[in-house]
Amino acid sequence: MEINRSIGCTVTECKYHAKKDSYCSLDHINVVKHTNNATDPQSTDCGSFELEG
């Protein structure tokens, strides 16, 4: 697994988390929104999340 130091991540439950470091191992992520007009961080999420296991 290669660490992408351009994408920080603290979601250790994700399949793509770099485990010993707070980074993502993907070379890019997909950010999605929950509302038609995103106005704050809670309106968005990482669409690349996959549960480890």
PDB file of N, CA and C in Angstrom:
ATOM      1  N   MET A   1       0.834  -1.168   0.000  1.00  0.00           N
ATOM      2  CA  MET A   1       0.000   0.000   0.000  1.00  0.00           C
ATOM      3  C   MET A   1       0.887   1.241   0.000  1.00  0.00           C
ATOM      4  N   GLU A   2       0.656   2.116  -0.949  1.00  0.00           N
ATOM      5  CA  GLU A   2       1.419   3.350  -1.045  1.00  0.00           C
ATOM      6  C   GLU A   2       0.657   4.485  -0.382  1.00  0.00           C
ATOM      7  N   ILE A   3       1.329   5.294   0.394  1.00  0.00           N
ATOM      8  CA  ILE A   3       0.706   6.428   1.074  1.00  0.00           C
ATOM      9  C   ILE A   3       0.687   7.634   0.147  1.00  0.00           C
ATOM     10  N   ASN A   4      -0.471   8.296   0.068  1.00  0.00           N
ATOM     11  CA  ASN A   4      -0.576   9.537  -0.684  1.00  0.00           C
ATOM     12  C   ASN A   4      -0.568  10.680   0.330  1.00  0.00           C
ATOM     13  N   ARG A   5       0.541  11.356   0.471  1.00  0.00           N
ATOM     14  CA  ARG A   5       0.668  12.422   1.465  1.00  0.00           C
ATOM     15  C   ARG A   5      -0.066  13.689   1.057  1.00  0.00           C
ATOM     16  N   SER A   6      -0.722  13.681  -0.097  1.00  0.00           N
ATOM     17  CA  SER A   6      -1.544  14.809  -0.523  1.00  0.00           C
ATOM     18  C   SER A   6      -2.975  14.692  -0.008  1.00  0.00           C
ATOM     19  N   ILE A   7      -3.345  13.495   0.493  1.00  0.00           N
ATOM     20  CA  ILE A   7      -4.710  13.278   0.989  1.00  0.00           C
ATOM     21  C   ILE A   7      -4.640  12.812   2.439  1.00  0.00           C
ATOM     22  N   GLY A   8      -4.883  13.716   3.367  1.00  0.00           N
ATOM     23  CA  GLY A   8      -4.928  13.354   4.774  1.00  0.00           C
ATOM     24  C   GLY A   8      -6.236  12.645   5.084  1.00  0.00           C
ATOM     25  N   CYS A   9      -6.212  11.712   6.034  1.00  0.00           N
ATOM     26  CA  CYS A   9      -7.418  10.967   6.391  1.00  0.00           C
ATOM     27  C   CYS A   9      -7.270  10.387   7.796  1.00  0.00           C
ATOM     28  N   THR A  10      -8.330  10.508   8.598  1.00  0.00           N
ATOM     29  CA  THR A  10      -8.334   9.930   9.940  1.00  0.00           C
ATOM     30  C   THR A  10      -9.394   8.841  10.078  1.00  0.00           C
ATOM     31  N   VAL A  11     -10.004   8.426   8.977  1.00  0.00           N
ATOM     32  CA  VAL A  11     -11.064   7.408   9.001  1.00  0.00           C
ATOM     33  C   VAL A  11     -10.416   6.023   8.923  1.00  0.00           C
ATOM     34  N   THR A  12     -10.022   5.501  10.073  1.00  0.00           N
ATOM     35  CA  THR A  12      -9.282   4.239  10.116  1.00  0.00           C
ATOM     36  C   THR A  12     -10.116   3.035   9.703  1.00  0.00           C
ATOM     37  N   GLU A  13     -11.440   3.172   9.675  1.00  0.00           N
ATOM     38  CA  GLU A  13     -12.310   2.072   9.253  1.00  0.00           C
ATOM     39  C   GLU A  13     -12.328   1.889   7.732  1.00  0.00           C
ATOM     40  N   CYS A  14     -11.761   2.845   7.018  1.00  0.00           N
ATOM     41  CA  CYS A  14     -11.782   2.791   5.553  1.00  0.00           C
ATOM     42  C   CYS A  14     -10.724   1.833   5.019  1.00  0.00           C
ATOM     43  N   LYS A  15     -11.098   1.115   3.995  1.00  0.00           N
ATOM     44  CA  LYS A  15     -10.216   0.173   3.310  1.00  0.00           C
ATOM     45  C   LYS A  15      -8.946   0.853   2.784  1.00  0.00           C
ATOM     46  N   TYR A  16      -9.033   2.132   2.452  1.00  0.00           N
ATOM     47  CA  TYR A  16      -7.923   2.844   1.827  1.00  0.00           C
ATOM     48  C   TYR A  16      -7.088   3.667   2.811  1.00  0.00           C
ATOM     49  N   HIS A  17      -7.385   3.586   4.108  1.00  0.00           N
ATOM     50  CA  HIS A  17      -6.594   4.315   5.104  1.00  0.00           C
ATOM     51  C   HIS A  17      -5.191   3.713   5.167  1.00  0.00           C
ATOM     52  N   ALA A  18      -4.184   4.548   5.311  1.00  0.00           N
ATOM     53  CA  ALA A  18      -2.786   4.095   5.291  1.00  0.00           C
ATOM     54  C   ALA A  18      -2.341   3.422   6.594  1.00  0.00           C
ATOM     55  N   LYS A  19      -3.257   3.140   7.480  1.00  0.00           N
ATOM     56  CA  LYS A  19      -3.062   2.403   8.735  1.00  0.00           C
ATOM     57  C   LYS A  19      -2.155   3.079   9.741  1.00  0.00           C
ATOM     58  N   LYS A  20      -0.854   3.042   9.608  1.00  0.00           N
ATOM     59  CA  LYS A  20       0.008   3.621  10.633  1.00  0.00           C
ATOM     60  C   LYS A  20       0.167   5.131  10.482  1.00  0.00           C
ATOM     61  N   ASP A  21      -0.284   5.692   9.371  1.00  0.00           N
ATOM     62  CA  ASP A  21      -0.211   7.125   9.124  1.00  0.00           C
ATOM     63  C   ASP A  21      -1.603   7.656   8.802  1.00  0.00           C
ATOM     64  N   SER A  22      -1.865   8.908   9.124  1.00  0.00           N
ATOM     65  CA  SER A  22      -3.182   9.503   8.876  1.00  0.00           C
ATOM     66  C   SER A  22      -3.290  10.046   7.452  1.00  0.00           C
ATOM     67  N   TYR A  23      -3.178   9.124   6.498  1.00  0.00           N
ATOM     68  CA  TYR A  23      -3.275   9.472   5.084  1.00  0.00           C
ATOM     69  C   TYR A  23      -4.095   8.418   4.346  1.00  0.00           C
ATOM     70  N   CYS A  24      -4.483   8.785   3.137  1.00  0.00           N
ATOM     71  CA  CYS A  24      -5.199   7.870   2.241  1.00  0.00           C
ATOM     72  C   CYS A  24      -4.183   7.189   1.327  1.00  0.00           C
ATOM     73  N   SER A  25      -4.511   5.993   0.870  1.00  0.00           N
ATOM     74  CA  SER A  25      -3.611   5.296  -0.050  1.00  0.00           C
ATOM     75  C   SER A  25      -4.072   5.415  -1.512  1.00  0.00           C
ATOM     76  N   LEU A  26      -5.231   6.021  -1.753  1.00  0.00           N
ATOM     77  CA  LEU A  26      -5.684   6.219  -3.129  1.00  0.00           C
ATOM     78  C   LEU A  26      -4.905   7.347  -3.793  1.00  0.00           C
ATOM     79  N   ASP A  27      -4.826   7.341  -5.121  1.00  0.00           N
ATOM     80  CA  ASP A  27      -4.148   8.441  -5.797  1.00  0.00           C
ATOM     81  C   ASP A  27      -5.088   9.618  -6.027  1.00  0.00           C
ATOM     82  N   HIS A  28      -6.397   9.403  -5.846  1.00  0.00           N
ATOM     83  CA  HIS A  28      -7.382  10.487  -5.872  1.00  0.00           C
ATOM     84  C   HIS A  28      -8.627  10.008  -5.132  1.00  0.00           C
ATOM     85  N   ILE A  29      -9.451  10.946  -4.672  1.00  0.00           N
ATOM     86  CA  ILE A  29     -10.716  10.606  -4.032  1.00  0.00           C
ATOM     87  C   ILE A  29     -11.849  11.330  -4.745  1.00  0.00           C
ATOM     88  N   ASN A  30     -13.062  10.870  -4.512  1.00  0.00           N
ATOM     89  CA  ASN A  30     -14.245  11.504  -5.065  1.00  0.00           C
ATOM     90  C   ASN A  30     -15.019  12.138  -3.916  1.00  0.00           C
ATOM     91  N   VAL A  31     -15.153  13.453  -3.917  1.00  0.00           N
ATOM     92  CA  VAL A  31     -15.902  14.168  -2.888  1.00  0.00           C
ATOM     93  C   VAL A  31     -17.320  14.386  -3.405  1.00  0.00           C
ATOM     94  N   VAL A  32     -18.304  14.006  -2.587  1.00  0.00           N
ATOM     95  CA  VAL A  32     -19.709  14.119  -2.978  1.00  0.00           C
ATOM     96  C   VAL A  32     -20.447  15.025  -1.998  1.00  0.00           C
ATOM     97  N   LYS A  33     -21.613  15.531  -2.411  1.00  0.00           N
ATOM     98  CA  LYS A  33     -22.409  16.371  -1.525  1.00  0.00           C
ATOM     99  C   LYS A  33     -23.757  15.733  -1.226  1.00  0.00           C
ATOM    100  N   HIS A  34     -24.330  16.103  -0.073  1.00  0.00           N
ATOM    101  CA  HIS A  34     -25.604  15.551   0.386  1.00  0.00           C
ATOM    102  C   HIS A  34     -26.786  16.429   0.031  1.00  0.00           C
ATOM    103  N   THR A  35     -26.534  17.663  -0.334  1.00  0.00           N
ATOM    104  CA  THR A  35     -27.588  18.633  -0.626  1.00  0.00           C
ATOM    105  C   THR A  35     -27.350  19.224  -2.006  1.00  0.00           C
ATOM    106  N   ASN A  36     -28.363  19.894  -2.534  1.00  0.00           N
ATOM    107  CA  ASN A  36     -28.195  20.531  -3.844  1.00  0.00           C
ATOM    108  C   ASN A  36     -27.171  21.655  -3.806  1.00  0.00           C
ATOM    109  N   ASN A  37     -27.052  22.321  -2.648  1.00  0.00           N
ATOM    110  CA  ASN A  37     -26.136  23.444  -2.506  1.00  0.00           C
ATOM    111  C   ASN A  37     -25.307  23.233  -1.245  1.00  0.00           C
ATOM    112  N   ALA A  38     -24.085  22.752  -1.379  1.00  0.00           N
ATOM    113  CA  ALA A  38     -23.220  22.519  -0.227  1.00  0.00           C
ATOM    114  C   ALA A  38     -22.808  23.858   0.381  1.00  0.00           C
ATOM    115  N   THR A  39     -23.080  24.017   1.684  1.00  0.00           N
ATOM    116  CA  THR A  39     -22.779  25.287   2.348  1.00  0.00           C
ATOM    117  C   THR A  39     -21.835  25.133   3.537  1.00  0.00           C
ATOM    118  N   ASP A  40     -21.507  23.894   3.920  1.00  0.00           N
ATOM    119  CA  ASP A  40     -20.609  23.662   5.050  1.00  0.00           C
ATOM    120  C   ASP A  40     -19.995  22.268   4.917  1.00  0.00           C
ATOM    121  N   PRO A  41     -18.970  21.955   5.706  1.00  0.00           N
ATOM    122  CA  PRO A  41     -18.320  20.646   5.586  1.00  0.00           C
ATOM    123  C   PRO A  41     -19.273  19.465   5.791  1.00  0.00           C
ATOM    124  N   GLN A  42     -20.291  19.638   6.618  1.00  0.00           N
ATOM    125  CA  GLN A  42     -21.231  18.550   6.874  1.00  0.00           C
ATOM    126  C   GLN A  42     -22.089  18.224   5.648  1.00  0.00           C
ATOM    127  N   SER A  43     -22.085  19.085   4.652  1.00  0.00           N
ATOM    128  CA  SER A  43     -22.838  18.853   3.418  1.00  0.00           C
ATOM    129  C   SER A  43     -22.092  17.954   2.443  1.00  0.00           C
ATOM    130  N   THR A  44     -20.833  17.602   2.754  1.00  0.00           N
ATOM    131  CA  THR A  44     -20.006  16.825   1.837  1.00  0.00           C
ATOM    132  C   THR A  44     -19.415  15.599   2.520  1.00  0.00           C
ATOM    133  N   ASP A  45     -18.991  14.639   1.721  1.00  0.00           N
ATOM    134  CA  ASP A  45     -18.355  13.412   2.207  1.00  0.00           C
ATOM    135  C   ASP A  45     -17.380  12.884   1.167  1.00  0.00           C
ATOM    136  N   CYS A  46     -16.522  11.974   1.612  1.00  0.00           N
ATOM    137  CA  CYS A  46     -15.632  11.281   0.686  1.00  0.00           C
ATOM    138  C   CYS A  46     -16.417  10.141   0.047  1.00  0.00           C
ATOM    139  N   GLY A  47     -16.698  10.237  -1.225  1.00  0.00           N
ATOM    140  CA  GLY A  47     -17.437   9.212  -1.934  1.00  0.00           C
ATOM    141  C   GLY A  47     -16.595   7.986  -2.239  1.00  0.00           C
ATOM    142  N   SER A  48     -15.314   8.020  -1.950  1.00  0.00           N
ATOM    143  CA  SER A  48     -14.418   6.904  -2.208  1.00  0.00           C
ATOM    144  C   SER A  48     -14.345   5.926  -1.024  1.00  0.00           C
ATOM    145  N   PHE A  49     -15.033   6.246   0.074  1.00  0.00           N
ATOM    146  CA  PHE A  49     -14.998   5.393   1.270  1.00  0.00           C
ATOM    147  C   PHE A  49     -15.487   3.977   0.974  1.00  0.00           C
ATOM    148  N   GLU A  50     -14.740   3.000   1.445  1.00  0.00           N
ATOM    149  CA  GLU A  50     -15.165   1.596   1.442  1.00  0.00           C
ATOM    150  C   GLU A  50     -14.780   1.018   2.792  1.00  0.00           C
ATOM    151  N   LEU A  51     -15.711   0.317   3.419  1.00  0.00           N
ATOM    152  CA  LEU A  51     -15.450  -0.287   4.709  1.00  0.00           C
ATOM    153  C   LEU A  51     -14.401  -1.375   4.568  1.00  0.00           C
ATOM    154  N   GLU A  52     -13.427  -1.358   5.473  1.00  0.00           N
ATOM    155  CA  GLU A  52     -12.395  -2.394   5.424  1.00  0.00           C
ATOM    156  C   GLU A  52     -13.001  -3.726   5.792  1.00  0.00           C
ATOM    157  N   GLY A  53     -12.528  -4.742   5.148  1.00  0.00           N
ATOM    158  CA  GLY A  53     -12.988  -6.061   5.526  1.00  0.00           C
ATOM    159  C   GLY A  53     -13.242  -6.972   4.433  1.00  0.00           C
TER     160      GLY A  53
END
